[in-house]
Amino acid sequence: MNAYTISRLAEDAGVSVHVVRDHVLRGLLHPARRTESGYGIFDAQSLARLRFVRAAFEAGIGLDELTRLCRALDANDGDDVTGCVQRLLAHVAARQATLSAVKTKLAEMAYRSEQEHVAG
């Protein structure tokens, strides 16, 4: 088992210790165990979850929705997990459609700019 202190977990995930602490307080992450002095020790599953949560957050999914998902996962509540996943998939699909439209518009702008440059 890989054992991570909070600082090593943060470093390996590319976030600050403050982000990890915030995620623990919100219930997104939980230490796998605690030392005798009370320090949280995280495992490889914690690192994978932290990386997922950060990627989802950077993709525009809010921490409240991610917290609901993580709590449902932790409670092993299949119905709630399914509902959360369906909402997140709908969010991702809408985000992809928006980004696709932006990409198309940018390509049009680049093409027009190139044509004007060649003509001018």
C-alpha atoms as a PDB file:
ATOM      1  CA  MET A   1       0.000   0.000   0.000  1.00  0.00           C
ATOM      2  CA  ASN A   2       1.292   3.436  -0.911  1.00  0.00           C
ATOM      3  CA  ALA A   3       1.104   5.750   2.089  1.00  0.00           C
ATOM      4  CA  TYR A   4       0.896   9.486   1.548  1.00  0.00           C
ATOM      5  CA  THR A   5       1.164  12.290   4.026  1.00  0.00           C
ATOM      6  CA  ILE A   6      -0.999  15.265   3.187  1.00  0.00           C
ATOM      7  CA  SER A   7       1.996  17.132   1.756  1.00  0.00           C
ATOM      8  CA  ARG A   8       3.106  14.195  -0.417  1.00  0.00           C
ATOM      9  CA  LEU A   9      -0.468  13.639  -1.610  1.00  0.00           C
ATOM     10  CA  ALA A  10      -0.726  17.311  -2.556  1.00  0.00           C
ATOM     11  CA  GLU A  11       2.630  17.234  -4.336  1.00  0.00           C
ATOM     12  CA  ASP A  12       1.832  14.067  -6.303  1.00  0.00           C
ATOM     13  CA  ALA A  13      -1.550  15.500  -7.349  1.00  0.00           C
ATOM     14  CA  GLY A  14      -0.079  18.884  -8.276  1.00  0.00           C
ATOM     15  CA  VAL A  15      -2.166  20.889  -5.808  1.00  0.00           C
ATOM     16  CA  SER A  16      -1.489  22.785  -2.616  1.00  0.00           C
ATOM     17  CA  VAL A  17      -1.842  21.322   0.847  1.00  0.00           C
ATOM     18  CA  HIS A  18      -4.644  23.870   1.385  1.00  0.00           C
ATOM     19  CA  VAL A  19      -6.634  22.288  -1.466  1.00  0.00           C
ATOM     20  CA  VAL A  20      -6.251  18.831   0.080  1.00  0.00           C
ATOM     21  CA  ARG A  21      -7.324  20.122   3.495  1.00  0.00           C
ATOM     22  CA  ASP A  22     -10.331  21.846   1.936  1.00  0.00           C
ATOM     23  CA  HIS A  23     -11.314  18.639   0.148  1.00  0.00           C
ATOM     24  CA  VAL A  24     -11.021  16.675   3.400  1.00  0.00           C
ATOM     25  CA  LEU A  25     -13.237  19.225   5.182  1.00  0.00           C
ATOM     26  CA  ARG A  26     -15.831  19.040   2.380  1.00  0.00           C
ATOM     27  CA  GLY A  27     -15.866  15.233   2.509  1.00  0.00           C
ATOM     28  CA  LEU A  28     -14.313  14.745  -0.920  1.00  0.00           C
ATOM     29  CA  LEU A  29     -11.329  12.882   0.562  1.00  0.00           C
ATOM     30  CA  HIS A  30     -10.762  10.855   3.701  1.00  0.00           C
ATOM     31  CA  PRO A  31      -7.505   9.617   5.181  1.00  0.00           C
ATOM     32  CA  ALA A  32      -7.162   5.842   4.900  1.00  0.00           C
ATOM     33  CA  ARG A  33      -5.904   5.857   8.483  1.00  0.00           C
ATOM     34  CA  ARG A  34      -4.497   8.138  11.137  1.00  0.00           C
ATOM     35  CA  THR A  35      -1.180   8.016  12.951  1.00  0.00           C
ATOM     36  CA  GLU A  36      -1.052   7.830  16.742  1.00  0.00           C
ATOM     37  CA  SER A  37      -0.531  11.591  16.770  1.00  0.00           C
ATOM     38  CA  GLY A  38      -3.626  12.130  14.610  1.00  0.00           C
ATOM     39  CA  TYR A  39      -2.040  12.865  11.232  1.00  0.00           C
ATOM     40  CA  GLY A  40      -3.976  11.623   8.237  1.00  0.00           C
ATOM     41  CA  ILE A  41      -2.347   9.034   6.015  1.00  0.00           C
ATOM     42  CA  PHE A  42      -3.780   8.708   2.519  1.00  0.00           C
ATOM     43  CA  ASP A  43      -3.563   5.827   0.054  1.00  0.00           C
ATOM     44  CA  ALA A  44      -3.400   5.367  -3.709  1.00  0.00           C
ATOM     45  CA  GLN A  45      -7.212   5.519  -3.934  1.00  0.00           C
ATOM     46  CA  SER A  46      -7.086   8.935  -2.269  1.00  0.00           C
ATOM     47  CA  LEU A  47      -4.588  10.115  -4.864  1.00  0.00           C
ATOM     48  CA  ALA A  48      -6.758   8.799  -7.719  1.00  0.00           C
ATOM     49  CA  ARG A  49      -9.846  10.487  -6.279  1.00  0.00           C
ATOM     50  CA  LEU A  50      -8.001  13.764  -5.757  1.00  0.00           C
ATOM     51  CA  ARG A  51      -6.779  13.724  -9.352  1.00  0.00           C
ATOM     52  CA  PHE A  52     -10.303  12.992 -10.615  1.00  0.00           C
ATOM     53  CA  VAL A  53     -11.874  15.711  -8.472  1.00  0.00           C
ATOM     54  CA  ARG A  54      -9.329  18.285  -9.653  1.00  0.00           C
ATOM     55  CA  ALA A  55      -9.796  17.330 -13.314  1.00  0.00           C
ATOM     56  CA  ALA A  56     -13.589  17.488 -12.966  1.00  0.00           C
ATOM     57  CA  PHE A  57     -13.358  20.828 -11.158  1.00  0.00           C
ATOM     58  CA  GLU A  58     -11.096  22.252 -13.861  1.00  0.00           C
ATOM     59  CA  ALA A  59     -13.624  21.016 -16.450  1.00  0.00           C
ATOM     60  CA  GLY A  60     -16.254  23.213 -14.807  1.00  0.00           C
ATOM     61  CA  ILE A  61     -17.986  20.834 -12.409  1.00  0.00           C
ATOM     62  CA  GLY A  62     -18.682  22.520  -9.093  1.00  0.00           C
ATOM     63  CA  LEU A  63     -17.375  21.321  -5.763  1.00  0.00           C
ATOM     64  CA  ASP A  64     -20.908  20.953  -4.377  1.00  0.00           C
ATOM     65  CA  GLU A  65     -21.812  18.437  -7.094  1.00  0.00           C
ATOM     66  CA  LEU A  66     -18.473  16.645  -6.661  1.00  0.00           C
ATOM     67  CA  THR A  67     -19.066  16.501  -2.908  1.00  0.00           C
ATOM     68  CA  ARG A  68     -22.481  14.891  -3.501  1.00  0.00           C
ATOM     69  CA  LEU A  69     -20.876  12.323  -5.787  1.00  0.00           C
ATOM     70  CA  CYS A  70     -18.052  11.490  -3.368  1.00  0.00           C
ATOM     71  CA  ARG A  71     -20.438  11.168  -0.422  1.00  0.00           C
ATOM     72  CA  ALA A  72     -22.679   8.862  -2.453  1.00  0.00           C
ATOM     73  CA  LEU A  73     -19.643   6.784  -3.429  1.00  0.00           C
ATOM     74  CA  ASP A  74     -18.466   6.618   0.177  1.00  0.00           C
ATOM     75  CA  ALA A  75     -21.954   5.587   1.354  1.00  0.00           C
ATOM     76  CA  ASN A  76     -22.118   2.996  -1.446  1.00  0.00           C
ATOM     77  CA  ASP A  77     -25.529   4.455  -2.359  1.00  0.00           C
ATOM     78  CA  GLY A  78     -26.034   3.104  -5.860  1.00  0.00           C
ATOM     79  CA  ASP A  79     -29.147   5.173  -6.620  1.00  0.00           C
ATOM     80  CA  ASP A  80     -27.519   8.414  -5.522  1.00  0.00           C
ATOM     81  CA  VAL A  81     -24.289   7.576  -7.383  1.00  0.00           C
ATOM     82  CA  THR A  82     -26.311   6.897 -10.540  1.00  0.00           C
ATOM     83  CA  GLY A  83     -28.154  10.212 -10.214  1.00  0.00           C
ATOM     84  CA  CYS A  84     -24.932  12.145  -9.622  1.00  0.00           C
ATOM     85  CA  VAL A  85     -23.196  10.460 -12.549  1.00  0.00           C
ATOM     86  CA  GLN A  86     -26.135  11.175 -14.865  1.00  0.00           C
ATOM     87  CA  ARG A  87     -26.111  14.870 -13.883  1.00  0.00           C
ATOM     88  CA  LEU A  88     -22.352  15.067 -14.390  1.00  0.00           C
ATOM     89  CA  LEU A  89     -22.545  13.348 -17.774  1.00  0.00           C
ATOM     90  CA  ALA A  90     -25.197  15.855 -18.869  1.00  0.00           C
ATOM     91  CA  HIS A  91     -22.968  18.686 -17.664  1.00  0.00           C
ATOM     92  CA  VAL A  92     -19.982  17.279 -19.558  1.00  0.00           C
ATOM     93  CA  ALA A  93     -22.053  16.869 -22.745  1.00  0.00           C
ATOM     94  CA  ALA A  94     -23.288  20.464 -22.526  1.00  0.00           C
ATOM     95  CA  ARG A  95     -19.754  21.683 -21.882  1.00  0.00           C
ATOM     96  CA  GLN A  96     -18.437  19.717 -24.865  1.00  0.00           C
ATOM     97  CA  ALA A  97     -21.119  21.235 -27.119  1.00  0.00           C
ATOM     98  CA  THR A  98     -20.198  24.729 -25.948  1.00  0.00           C
ATOM     99  CA  LEU A  99     -16.496  24.111 -26.482  1.00  0.00           C
ATOM    100  CA  SER A 100     -17.160  22.661 -29.926  1.00  0.00           C
ATOM    101  CA  ALA A 101     -19.078  25.803 -30.907  1.00  0.00           C
ATOM    102  CA  VAL A 102     -16.235  27.983 -29.602  1.00  0.00           C
ATOM    103  CA  LYS A 103     -13.693  25.897 -31.530  1.00  0.00           C
ATOM    104  CA  THR A 104     -15.698  26.268 -34.748  1.00  0.00           C
ATOM    105  CA  LYS A 105     -15.986  30.033 -34.288  1.00  0.00           C
ATOM    106  CA  LEU A 106     -12.254  30.372 -33.599  1.00  0.00           C
ATOM    107  CA  ALA A 107     -11.433  28.358 -36.724  1.00  0.00           C
ATOM    108  CA  GLU A 108     -13.684  30.669 -38.757  1.00  0.00           C
ATOM    109  CA  MET A 109     -11.941  33.728 -37.293  1.00  0.00           C
ATOM    110  CA  ALA A 110      -8.514  32.289 -38.055  1.00  0.00           C
ATOM    111  CA  TYR A 111      -9.537  31.480 -41.625  1.00  0.00           C
ATOM    112  CA  ARG A 112     -10.963  34.984 -42.208  1.00  0.00           C
ATOM    113  CA  SER A 113      -7.902  36.592 -40.702  1.00  0.00           C
ATOM    114  CA  GLU A 114      -5.627  34.498 -42.900  1.00  0.00           C
ATOM    115  CA  GLN A 115      -7.662  35.374 -46.006  1.00  0.00           C
ATOM    116  CA  GLU A 116      -7.556  39.080 -45.178  1.00  0.00           C
ATOM    117  CA  HIS A 117      -3.807  38.886 -44.594  1.00  0.00           C
ATOM    118  CA  VAL A 118      -3.217  37.174 -47.959  1.00  0.00           C
ATOM    119  CA  ALA A 119      -5.496  39.667 -49.772  1.00  0.00           C
ATOM    120  CA  GLY A 120      -4.054  42.716 -48.014  1.00  0.00           C
END
